[in-house]
Amino acid sequence: MLIARAGAVALFLVAGAGSAAAQTSCYDLWYERNLIFAENGYCFQTDLARRAFAEFECWTRNPALSTYEQRRVDEIRDEEQRRGCNVN
């Protein structure tokens, strides 16, 4: 889990780096957004998400995100929509 968090931190830095954000793939955005949910106990419904986050415990379909986490999820969703991403 620590490795996943370190990866997420690196991705946060890349995503926030202006032109470097354009290099972030739709899958990377999907993964970063869903990692936030996984770290907060979200129980995924899709096969892709279940496989990607199998090492995380799930206990809720309505996780309580911090203000920062919710803001980041919203930013990622906006970027996914802007790009027309459809990973899952």
C-alpha atoms as a PDB file:
ATOM      1  CA  MET A   1       0.000   0.000   0.000  1.00  0.00           C
ATOM      2  CA  LEU A   2       2.915   2.328   0.704  1.00  0.00           C
ATOM      3  CA  ILE A   3       4.200   1.787  -2.839  1.00  0.00           C
ATOM      4  CA  ALA A   4       0.777   2.626  -4.259  1.00  0.00           C
ATOM      5  CA  ARG A   5       0.667   5.824  -2.222  1.00  0.00           C
ATOM      6  CA  ALA A   6       4.167   6.796  -3.344  1.00  0.00           C
ATOM      7  CA  GLY A   7       3.061   6.265  -6.931  1.00  0.00           C
ATOM      8  CA  ALA A   8      -0.009   8.377  -6.336  1.00  0.00           C
ATOM      9  CA  VAL A   9       2.094  11.190  -4.881  1.00  0.00           C
ATOM     10  CA  ALA A  10       4.335  11.089  -7.939  1.00  0.00           C
ATOM     11  CA  LEU A  11       1.287  11.166 -10.185  1.00  0.00           C
ATOM     12  CA  PHE A  12      -0.156  14.116  -8.225  1.00  0.00           C
ATOM     13  CA  LEU A  13       3.075  15.990  -8.876  1.00  0.00           C
ATOM     14  CA  VAL A  14       3.032  15.176 -12.581  1.00  0.00           C
ATOM     15  CA  ALA A  15      -0.655  16.021 -12.932  1.00  0.00           C
ATOM     16  CA  GLY A  16      -0.086  19.370 -11.270  1.00  0.00           C
ATOM     17  CA  ALA A  17       2.921  20.321 -13.386  1.00  0.00           C
ATOM     18  CA  GLY A  18       1.187  22.200 -16.199  1.00  0.00           C
ATOM     19  CA  SER A  19       2.376  20.848 -19.544  1.00  0.00           C
ATOM     20  CA  ALA A  20       3.396  17.582 -17.916  1.00  0.00           C
ATOM     21  CA  ALA A  21      -0.286  17.008 -17.164  1.00  0.00           C
ATOM     22  CA  ALA A  22      -0.912  16.663 -20.887  1.00  0.00           C
ATOM     23  CA  GLN A  23       1.351  13.600 -20.845  1.00  0.00           C
ATOM     24  CA  THR A  24      -0.786  11.879 -18.213  1.00  0.00           C
ATOM     25  CA  SER A  25      -2.901   9.205 -19.900  1.00  0.00           C
ATOM     26  CA  CYS A  26      -6.609   8.641 -19.391  1.00  0.00           C
ATOM     27  CA  TYR A  27      -5.705   5.415 -17.592  1.00  0.00           C
ATOM     28  CA  ASP A  28      -3.368   7.320 -15.256  1.00  0.00           C
ATOM     29  CA  LEU A  29      -6.146   9.769 -14.441  1.00  0.00           C
ATOM     30  CA  TRP A  30      -8.595   6.906 -13.864  1.00  0.00           C
ATOM     31  CA  TYR A  31      -6.082   5.126 -11.621  1.00  0.00           C
ATOM     32  CA  GLU A  32      -5.246   8.221  -9.575  1.00  0.00           C
ATOM     33  CA  ARG A  33      -8.923   9.038  -9.027  1.00  0.00           C
ATOM     34  CA  ASN A  34      -9.833   5.508  -8.054  1.00  0.00           C
ATOM     35  CA  LEU A  35      -6.784   5.113  -5.817  1.00  0.00           C
ATOM     36  CA  ILE A  36      -8.247   7.871  -3.645  1.00  0.00           C
ATOM     37  CA  PHE A  37     -11.451   5.861  -3.335  1.00  0.00           C
ATOM     38  CA  ALA A  38      -9.562   2.590  -2.716  1.00  0.00           C
ATOM     39  CA  GLU A  39      -7.572   4.171   0.116  1.00  0.00           C
ATOM     40  CA  ASN A  40     -10.884   5.147   1.710  1.00  0.00           C
ATOM     41  CA  GLY A  41     -12.438   1.674   1.595  1.00  0.00           C
ATOM     42  CA  TYR A  42     -14.553   1.963  -1.544  1.00  0.00           C
ATOM     43  CA  CYS A  43     -16.016  -1.331  -2.815  1.00  0.00           C
ATOM     44  CA  PHE A  44     -15.591  -1.285  -6.592  1.00  0.00           C
ATOM     45  CA  GLN A  45     -18.128  -2.850  -8.935  1.00  0.00           C
ATOM     46  CA  THR A  46     -16.176  -3.171 -12.194  1.00  0.00           C
ATOM     47  CA  ASP A  47     -13.773  -6.007 -12.933  1.00  0.00           C
ATOM     48  CA  LEU A  48     -10.984  -3.614 -13.920  1.00  0.00           C
ATOM     49  CA  ALA A  49     -11.182  -1.663 -10.668  1.00  0.00           C
ATOM     50  CA  ARG A  50     -11.477  -4.827  -8.574  1.00  0.00           C
ATOM     51  CA  ARG A  51      -8.313  -6.183 -10.191  1.00  0.00           C
ATOM     52  CA  ALA A  52      -6.428  -2.879  -9.990  1.00  0.00           C
ATOM     53  CA  PHE A  53      -7.212  -2.355  -6.299  1.00  0.00           C
ATOM     54  CA  ALA A  54      -7.460  -5.949  -5.065  1.00  0.00           C
ATOM     55  CA  GLU A  55      -4.918  -5.328  -2.290  1.00  0.00           C
ATOM     56  CA  PHE A  56      -7.133  -2.716  -0.629  1.00  0.00           C
ATOM     57  CA  GLU A  57      -9.848  -3.605   1.874  1.00  0.00           C
ATOM     58  CA  CYS A  58     -13.327  -2.465   0.948  1.00  0.00           C
ATOM     59  CA  TRP A  59     -16.058  -1.630   3.427  1.00  0.00           C
ATOM     60  CA  THR A  60     -18.241   1.068   1.869  1.00  0.00           C
ATOM     61  CA  ARG A  61     -19.909   2.261  -1.316  1.00  0.00           C
ATOM     62  CA  ASN A  62     -19.924   5.812   0.080  1.00  0.00           C
ATOM     63  CA  PRO A  63     -16.435   6.681   1.382  1.00  0.00           C
ATOM     64  CA  ALA A  64     -15.846   9.818   3.425  1.00  0.00           C
ATOM     65  CA  LEU A  65     -13.224  11.778   1.496  1.00  0.00           C
ATOM     66  CA  SER A  66     -11.283  14.668   2.951  1.00  0.00           C
ATOM     67  CA  THR A  67     -11.787  18.106   1.431  1.00  0.00           C
ATOM     68  CA  TYR A  68      -8.482  17.775  -0.412  1.00  0.00           C
ATOM     69  CA  GLU A  69      -9.341  14.291  -1.702  1.00  0.00           C
ATOM     70  CA  GLN A  70     -12.761  15.398  -2.938  1.00  0.00           C
ATOM     71  CA  ARG A  71     -11.262  18.445  -4.631  1.00  0.00           C
ATOM     72  CA  ARG A  72      -8.656  16.258  -6.354  1.00  0.00           C
ATOM     73  CA  VAL A  73     -11.307  13.734  -7.470  1.00  0.00           C
ATOM     74  CA  ASP A  74     -13.329  16.616  -8.924  1.00  0.00           C
ATOM     75  CA  GLU A  75     -10.264  17.995 -10.745  1.00  0.00           C
ATOM     76  CA  ILE A  76      -9.471  14.594 -12.208  1.00  0.00           C
ATOM     77  CA  ARG A  77     -13.075  14.018 -13.300  1.00  0.00           C
ATOM     78  CA  ASP A  78     -13.081  17.432 -14.982  1.00  0.00           C
ATOM     79  CA  GLU A  79      -9.881  16.557 -16.852  1.00  0.00           C
ATOM     80  CA  GLU A  80     -11.238  13.132 -17.827  1.00  0.00           C
ATOM     81  CA  GLN A  81     -14.382  14.779 -19.176  1.00  0.00           C
ATOM     82  CA  ARG A  82     -12.403  17.463 -21.007  1.00  0.00           C
ATOM     83  CA  ARG A  83     -10.348  14.763 -22.743  1.00  0.00           C
ATOM     84  CA  GLY A  84     -13.266  12.443 -23.379  1.00  0.00           C
ATOM     85  CA  CYS A  85     -11.664   9.642 -21.350  1.00  0.00           C
ATOM     86  CA  ASN A  86     -13.578   6.389 -20.992  1.00  0.00           C
ATOM     87  CA  VAL A  87     -11.293   3.870 -19.287  1.00  0.00           C
ATOM     88  CA  ASN A  88     -13.932   1.799 -17.581  1.00  0.00           C
END
